């Protein structure tokens, strides 16, 4: 696997975690459960941002390499 596909998979997985947490949160529950879901959503948000940063870096690096060989 290359970095792009790994990062894309990471984005997909984090988005799924966020969505699952949102569904659990919408079903109600105790304040502890809601707090836990907020933590889960924040972690998923950070994971998405990190994986997008990897995708941007790969894109920039690929562009630079293409410029070198053009």
PDB file of N, CA and C in Angstrom:
ATOM      1  N   UNK A   1       0.841  -1.185   0.000  1.00  0.00           N
ATOM      2  CA  UNK A   1       0.000   0.000   0.000  1.00  0.00           C
ATOM      3  C   UNK A   1       0.885   1.247   0.000  1.00  0.00           C
ATOM      4  N   UNK A   2       0.373   2.305  -0.591  1.00  0.00           N
ATOM      5  CA  UNK A   2       1.121   3.547  -0.559  1.00  0.00           C
ATOM      6  C   UNK A   2       0.482   4.516   0.437  1.00  0.00           C
ATOM      7  N   UNK A   3       1.158   5.612   0.689  1.00  0.00           N
ATOM      8  CA  UNK A   3       0.706   6.564   1.711  1.00  0.00           C
ATOM      9  C   UNK A   3      -0.668   7.134   1.389  1.00  0.00           C
ATOM     10  N   UNK A   4      -0.950   7.368   0.112  1.00  0.00           N
ATOM     11  CA  UNK A   4      -2.255   7.935  -0.266  1.00  0.00           C
ATOM     12  C   UNK A   4      -3.405   6.998   0.095  1.00  0.00           C
ATOM     13  N   UNK A   5      -3.249   5.739  -0.220  1.00  0.00           N
ATOM     14  CA  UNK A   5      -4.340   4.800   0.064  1.00  0.00           C
ATOM     15  C   UNK A   5      -4.495   4.571   1.563  1.00  0.00           C
ATOM     16  N   UNK A   6      -3.387   4.578   2.290  1.00  0.00           N
ATOM     17  CA  UNK A   6      -3.466   4.426   3.745  1.00  0.00           C
ATOM     18  C   UNK A   6      -4.175   5.620   4.360  1.00  0.00           C
ATOM     19  N   UNK A   7      -3.808   6.828   3.917  1.00  0.00           N
ATOM     20  CA  UNK A   7      -4.440   8.040   4.446  1.00  0.00           C
ATOM     21  C   UNK A   7      -5.919   8.102   4.070  1.00  0.00           C
ATOM     22  N   UNK A   8      -6.243   7.708   2.847  1.00  0.00           N
ATOM     23  CA  UNK A   8      -7.649   7.700   2.424  1.00  0.00           C
ATOM     24  C   UNK A   8      -8.462   6.715   3.267  1.00  0.00           C
ATOM     25  N   UNK A   9      -7.872   5.565   3.548  1.00  0.00           N
ATOM     26  CA  UNK A   9      -8.545   4.594   4.419  1.00  0.00           C
ATOM     27  C   UNK A   9      -8.719   5.158   5.828  1.00  0.00           C
ATOM     28  N   UNK A  10      -7.710   5.891   6.284  1.00  0.00           N
ATOM     29  CA  UNK A  10      -7.801   6.523   7.598  1.00  0.00           C
ATOM     30  C   UNK A  10      -8.919   7.540   7.680  1.00  0.00           C
ATOM     31  N   UNK A  11      -9.086   8.330   6.623  1.00  0.00           N
ATOM     32  CA  UNK A  11     -10.188   9.304   6.576  1.00  0.00           C
ATOM     33  C   UNK A  11     -11.520   8.576   6.617  1.00  0.00           C
ATOM     34  N   UNK A  12     -11.641   7.541   5.813  1.00  0.00           N
ATOM     35  CA  UNK A  12     -12.894   6.774   5.767  1.00  0.00           C
ATOM     36  C   UNK A  12     -13.223   6.167   7.131  1.00  0.00           C
ATOM     37  N   UNK A  13     -12.229   5.585   7.772  1.00  0.00           N
ATOM     38  CA  UNK A  13     -12.445   4.967   9.088  1.00  0.00           C
ATOM     39  C   UNK A  13     -12.819   6.006  10.136  1.00  0.00           C
ATOM     40  N   UNK A  14     -12.150   7.152  10.122  1.00  0.00           N
ATOM     41  CA  UNK A  14     -12.450   8.197  11.101  1.00  0.00           C
ATOM     42  C   UNK A  14     -13.842   8.773  10.887  1.00  0.00           C
ATOM     43  N   UNK A  15     -14.229   8.943   9.642  1.00  0.00           N
ATOM     44  CA  UNK A  15     -15.582   9.448   9.357  1.00  0.00           C
ATOM     45  C   UNK A  15     -16.636   8.451   9.841  1.00  0.00           C
ATOM     46  N   UNK A  16     -16.368   7.177   9.665  1.00  0.00           N
ATOM     47  CA  UNK A  16     -17.302   6.150  10.139  1.00  0.00           C
ATOM     48  C   UNK A  16     -17.391   6.179  11.662  1.00  0.00           C
ATOM     49  N   UNK A  17     -16.234   6.330  12.344  1.00  0.00           N
ATOM     50  CA  UNK A  17     -16.242   6.435  13.812  1.00  0.00           C
ATOM     51  C   UNK A  17     -17.068   7.623  14.265  1.00  0.00           C
ATOM     52  N   UNK A  18     -16.902   8.755  13.592  1.00  0.00           N
ATOM     53  CA  UNK A  18     -17.649   9.962  13.948  1.00  0.00           C
ATOM     54  C   UNK A  18     -19.143   9.724  13.768  1.00  0.00           C
ATOM     55  N   UNK A  19     -19.518   9.148  12.637  1.00  0.00           N
ATOM     56  CA  UNK A  19     -20.937   8.907  12.352  1.00  0.00           C
ATOM     57  C   UNK A  19     -21.554   7.938  13.364  1.00  0.00           C
ATOM     58  N   UNK A  20     -20.844   6.861  13.680  1.00  0.00           N
ATOM     59  CA  UNK A  20     -21.353   5.902  14.657  1.00  0.00           C
ATOM     60  C   UNK A  20     -21.529   6.548  16.023  1.00  0.00           C
ATOM     61  N   UNK A  21     -20.597   7.399  16.389  1.00  0.00           N
ATOM     62  CA  UNK A  21     -20.693   8.104  17.662  1.00  0.00           C
ATOM     63  C   UNK A  21     -21.881   9.054  17.663  1.00  0.00           C
ATOM     64  N   UNK A  22     -22.082   9.748  16.562  1.00  0.00           N
ATOM     65  CA  UNK A  22     -23.214  10.677  16.465  1.00  0.00           C
ATOM     66  C   UNK A  22     -24.544   9.942  16.590  1.00  0.00           C
ATOM     67  N   UNK A  23     -24.619   8.766  15.992  1.00  0.00           N
ATOM     68  CA  UNK A  23     -25.850   7.965  16.093  1.00  0.00           C
ATOM     69  C   UNK A  23     -26.079   7.552  17.545  1.00  0.00           C
ATOM     70  N   UNK A  24     -25.028   7.056  18.194  1.00  0.00           N
ATOM     71  CA  UNK A  24     -25.168   6.664  19.605  1.00  0.00           C
ATOM     72  C   UNK A  24     -25.576   7.858  20.469  1.00  0.00           C
ATOM     73  N   UNK A  25     -25.002   9.002  20.178  1.00  0.00           N
ATOM     74  CA  UNK A  25     -25.306  10.206  20.950  1.00  0.00           C
ATOM     75  C   UNK A  25     -26.756  10.641  20.743  1.00  0.00           C
ATOM     76  N   UNK A  26     -27.258  10.502  19.524  1.00  0.00           N
ATOM     77  CA  UNK A  26     -28.627  10.922  19.229  1.00  0.00           C
ATOM     78  C   UNK A  26     -29.662  10.015  19.891  1.00  0.00           C
ATOM     79  N   UNK A  27     -29.233   8.819  20.286  1.00  0.00           N
ATOM     80  CA  UNK A  27     -30.147   7.880  20.923  1.00  0.00           C
ATOM     81  C   UNK A  27     -30.303   8.166  22.415  1.00  0.00           C
ATOM     82  N   UNK A  28     -29.607   9.193  22.886  1.00  0.00           N
ATOM     83  CA  UNK A  28     -29.732   9.587  24.285  1.00  0.00           C
ATOM     84  C   UNK A  28     -28.807   8.791  25.179  1.00  0.00           C
ATOM     85  N   UNK A  29     -28.995   8.976  26.442  1.00  0.00           N
ATOM     86  CA  UNK A  29     -28.160   8.280  27.409  1.00  0.00           C
ATOM     87  C   UNK A  29     -27.737   9.219  28.510  1.00  0.00           C
ATOM     88  N   UNK A  30     -26.874   8.742  29.358  1.00  0.00           N
ATOM     89  CA  UNK A  30     -26.426   9.529  30.497  1.00  0.00           C
ATOM     90  C   UNK A  30     -25.443  10.611  30.050  1.00  0.00           C
ATOM     91  N   UNK A  31     -25.195  11.545  30.941  1.00  0.00           N
ATOM     92  CA  UNK A  31     -24.226  12.597  30.650  1.00  0.00           C
ATOM     93  C   UNK A  31     -22.833  12.029  30.450  1.00  0.00           C
ATOM     94  N   UNK A  32     -22.495  10.969  31.197  1.00  0.00           N
ATOM     95  CA  UNK A  32     -21.194  10.316  31.012  1.00  0.00           C
ATOM     96  C   UNK A  32     -21.072   9.761  29.601  1.00  0.00           C
ATOM     97  N   UNK A  33     -22.162   9.167  29.110  1.00  0.00           N
ATOM     98  CA  UNK A  33     -22.159   8.611  27.763  1.00  0.00           C
ATOM     99  C   UNK A  33     -22.001   9.725  26.734  1.00  0.00           C
ATOM    100  N   UNK A  34     -22.686  10.831  26.945  1.00  0.00           N
ATOM    101  CA  UNK A  34     -22.585  11.954  26.011  1.00  0.00           C
ATOM    102  C   UNK A  34     -21.167  12.514  26.019  1.00  0.00           C
ATOM    103  N   UNK A  35     -20.585  12.636  27.195  1.00  0.00           N
ATOM    104  CA  UNK A  35     -19.202  13.125  27.291  1.00  0.00           C
ATOM    105  C   UNK A  35     -18.248  12.183  26.566  1.00  0.00           C
ATOM    106  N   UNK A  36     -18.439  10.907  26.738  1.00  0.00           N
ATOM    107  CA  UNK A  36     -17.605   9.926  26.048  1.00  0.00           C
ATOM    108  C   UNK A  36     -17.741  10.027  24.538  1.00  0.00           C
ATOM    109  N   UNK A  37     -18.958  10.252  24.084  1.00  0.00           N
ATOM    110  CA  UNK A  37     -19.182  10.381  22.640  1.00  0.00           C
ATOM    111  C   UNK A  37     -18.557  11.664  22.103  1.00  0.00           C
ATOM    112  N   UNK A  38     -18.579  12.730  22.887  1.00  0.00           N
ATOM    113  CA  UNK A  38     -17.914  13.964  22.458  1.00  0.00           C
ATOM    114  C   UNK A  38     -16.407  13.743  22.323  1.00  0.00           C
ATOM    115  N   UNK A  39     -15.842  12.993  23.244  1.00  0.00           N
ATOM    116  CA  UNK A  39     -14.417  12.658  23.155  1.00  0.00           C
ATOM    117  C   UNK A  39     -14.164  11.837  21.889  1.00  0.00           C
ATOM    118  N   UNK A  40     -14.999  10.857  21.639  1.00  0.00           N
ATOM    119  CA  UNK A  40     -14.858  10.008  20.446  1.00  0.00           C
ATOM    120  C   UNK A  40     -14.947  10.853  19.172  1.00  0.00           C
ATOM    121  N   UNK A  41     -15.888  11.786  19.126  1.00  0.00           N
ATOM    122  CA  UNK A  41     -16.042  12.630  17.948  1.00  0.00           C
ATOM    123  C   UNK A  41     -14.840  13.551  17.762  1.00  0.00           C
ATOM    124  N   UNK A  42     -14.299  14.059  18.852  1.00  0.00           N
ATOM    125  CA  UNK A  42     -13.112  14.903  18.774  1.00  0.00           C
ATOM    126  C   UNK A  42     -11.917  14.106  18.269  1.00  0.00           C
ATOM    127  N   UNK A  43     -11.761  12.883  18.753  1.00  0.00           N
ATOM    128  CA  UNK A  43     -10.670  12.027  18.285  1.00  0.00           C
ATOM    129  C   UNK A  43     -10.830  11.721  16.792  1.00  0.00           C
ATOM    130  N   UNK A  44     -12.047  11.471  16.364  1.00  0.00           N
ATOM    131  CA  UNK A  44     -12.298  11.194  14.947  1.00  0.00           C
ATOM    132  C   UNK A  44     -11.984  12.424  14.104  1.00  0.00           C
ATOM    133  N   UNK A  45     -12.351  13.605  14.604  1.00  0.00           N
ATOM    134  CA  UNK A  45     -12.071  14.850  13.891  1.00  0.00           C
ATOM    135  C   UNK A  45     -10.559  15.052  13.728  1.00  0.00           C
ATOM    136  N   UNK A  46      -9.816  14.801  14.785  1.00  0.00           N
ATOM    137  CA  UNK A  46      -8.351  14.936  14.725  1.00  0.00           C
ATOM    138  C   UNK A  46      -7.762  13.911  13.755  1.00  0.00           C
ATOM    139  N   UNK A  47      -8.289  12.703  13.759  1.00  0.00           N
ATOM    140  CA  UNK A  47      -7.802  11.664  12.850  1.00  0.00           C
ATOM    141  C   UNK A  47      -8.053  12.047  11.391  1.00  0.00           C
ATOM    142  N   UNK A  48      -9.223  12.623  11.107  1.00  0.00           N
ATOM    143  CA  UNK A  48      -9.513  13.073   9.747  1.00  0.00           C
ATOM    144  C   UNK A  48      -8.516  14.150   9.338  1.00  0.00           C
ATOM    145  N   UNK A  49      -8.304  15.132  10.212  1.00  0.00           N
ATOM    146  CA  UNK A  49      -7.379  16.225   9.900  1.00  0.00           C
ATOM    147  C   UNK A  49      -5.960  15.702   9.657  1.00  0.00           C
ATOM    148  N   UNK A  50      -5.517  14.762  10.471  1.00  0.00           N
ATOM    149  CA  UNK A  50      -4.168  14.206  10.317  1.00  0.00           C
ATOM    150  C   UNK A  50      -4.032  13.461   8.991  1.00  0.00           C
ATOM    151  N   UNK A  51      -5.027  12.669   8.651  1.00  0.00           N
ATOM    152  CA  UNK A  51      -4.967  11.919   7.404  1.00  0.00           C
ATOM    153  C   UNK A  51      -5.059  12.830   6.180  1.00  0.00           C
ATOM    154  N   UNK A  52      -5.823  13.900   6.287  1.00  0.00           N
ATOM    155  CA  UNK A  52      -5.887  14.863   5.186  1.00  0.00           C
ATOM    156  C   UNK A  52      -4.538  15.564   5.031  1.00  0.00           C
ATOM    157  N   UNK A  53      -3.878  15.854   6.139  1.00  0.00           N
ATOM    158  CA  UNK A  53      -2.541  16.452   6.071  1.00  0.00           C
ATOM    159  C   UNK A  53      -1.572  15.518   5.353  1.00  0.00           C
ATOM    160  N   UNK A  54      -1.683  14.225   5.607  1.00  0.00           N
ATOM    161  CA  UNK A  54      -0.835  13.249   4.909  1.00  0.00           C
ATOM    162  C   UNK A  54      -1.140  13.269   3.415  1.00  0.00           C
ATOM    163  N   UNK A  55      -2.417  13.306   3.058  1.00  0.00           N
ATOM    164  CA  UNK A  55      -2.790  13.345   1.638  1.00  0.00           C
ATOM    165  C   UNK A  55      -2.229  14.591   0.956  1.00  0.00           C
ATOM    166  N   UNK A  56      -2.313  15.735   1.631  1.00  0.00           N
ATOM    167  CA  UNK A  56      -1.773  16.971   1.062  1.00  0.00           C
ATOM    168  C   UNK A  56      -0.266  16.868   0.884  1.00  0.00           C
ATOM    169  N   UNK A  57       0.410  16.309   1.859  1.00  0.00           N
ATOM    170  CA  UNK A  57       1.856  16.156   1.791  1.00  0.00           C
ATOM    171  C   UNK A  57       2.261  15.241   0.645  1.00  0.00           C
ATOM    172  N   UNK A  58       1.552  14.142   0.492  1.00  0.00           N
ATOM    173  CA  UNK A  58       1.835  13.215  -0.609  1.00  0.00           C
ATOM    174  C   UNK A  58       1.625  13.915  -1.945  1.00  0.00           C
ATOM    175  N   UNK A  59       0.565  14.685  -2.042  1.00  0.00           N
ATOM    176  CA  UNK A  59       0.258  15.403  -3.278  1.00  0.00           C
ATOM    177  C   UNK A  59       1.358  16.411  -3.600  1.00  0.00           C
ATOM    178  N   UNK A  60       1.786  17.163  -2.598  1.00  0.00           N
ATOM    179  CA  UNK A  60       2.850  18.143  -2.806  1.00  0.00           C
ATOM    180  C   UNK A  60       4.161  17.467  -3.198  1.00  0.00           C
ATOM    181  N   UNK A  61       4.495  16.391  -2.523  1.00  0.00           N
ATOM    182  CA  UNK A  61       5.733  15.672  -2.819  1.00  0.00           C
ATOM    183  C   UNK A  61       5.703  15.102  -4.228  1.00  0.00           C
ATOM    184  N   UNK A  62       4.589  14.540  -4.618  1.00  0.00           N
ATOM    185  CA  UNK A  62       4.441  13.994  -5.972  1.00  0.00           C
ATOM    186  C   UNK A  62       4.595  15.103  -7.003  1.00  0.00           C
ATOM    187  N   UNK A  63       3.981  16.248  -6.731  1.00  0.00           N
ATOM    188  CA  UNK A  63       4.107  17.387  -7.641  1.00  0.00           C
ATOM    189  C   UNK A  63       5.548  17.848  -7.785  1.00  0.00           C
ATOM    190  N   UNK A  64       6.276  17.903  -6.675  1.00  0.00           N
ATOM    191  CA  UNK A  64       7.685  18.306  -6.730  1.00  0.00           C
ATOM    192  C   UNK A  64       8.525  17.303  -7.513  1.00  0.00           C
ATOM    193  N   UNK A  65       8.242  16.028  -7.292  1.00  0.00           N
ATOM    194  CA  UNK A  65       8.999  15.015  -8.037  1.00  0.00           C
ATOM    195  C   UNK A  65       8.721  15.109  -9.538  1.00  0.00           C
ATOM    196  N   UNK A  66       7.473  15.344  -9.880  1.00  0.00           N
ATOM    197  CA  UNK A  66       7.131  15.494 -11.299  1.00  0.00           C
ATOM    198  C   UNK A  66       7.818  16.719 -11.891  1.00  0.00           C
ATOM    199  N   UNK A  67       7.899  17.783 -11.123  1.00  0.00           N
ATOM    200  CA  UNK A  67       8.590  18.983 -11.590  1.00  0.00           C
ATOM    201  C   UNK A  67      10.080  18.695 -11.835  1.00  0.00           C
ATOM    202  N   UNK A  68      10.678  17.900 -10.977  1.00  0.00           N
ATOM    203  CA  UNK A  68      12.101  17.568 -11.127  1.00  0.00           C
ATOM    204  C   UNK A  68      12.363  16.765 -12.398  1.00  0.00           C
ATOM    205  N   UNK A  69      11.446  15.879 -12.739  1.00  0.00           N
ATOM    206  CA  UNK A  69      11.654  14.997 -13.872  1.00  0.00           C
ATOM    207  C   UNK A  69      11.057  15.544 -15.167  1.00  0.00           C
ATOM    208  N   UNK A  70      10.405  16.687 -15.102  1.00  0.00           N
ATOM    209  CA  UNK A  70       9.773  17.252 -16.310  1.00  0.00           C
ATOM    210  C   UNK A  70      10.761  18.041 -17.140  1.00  0.00           C
TER     211      UNK A  70
END
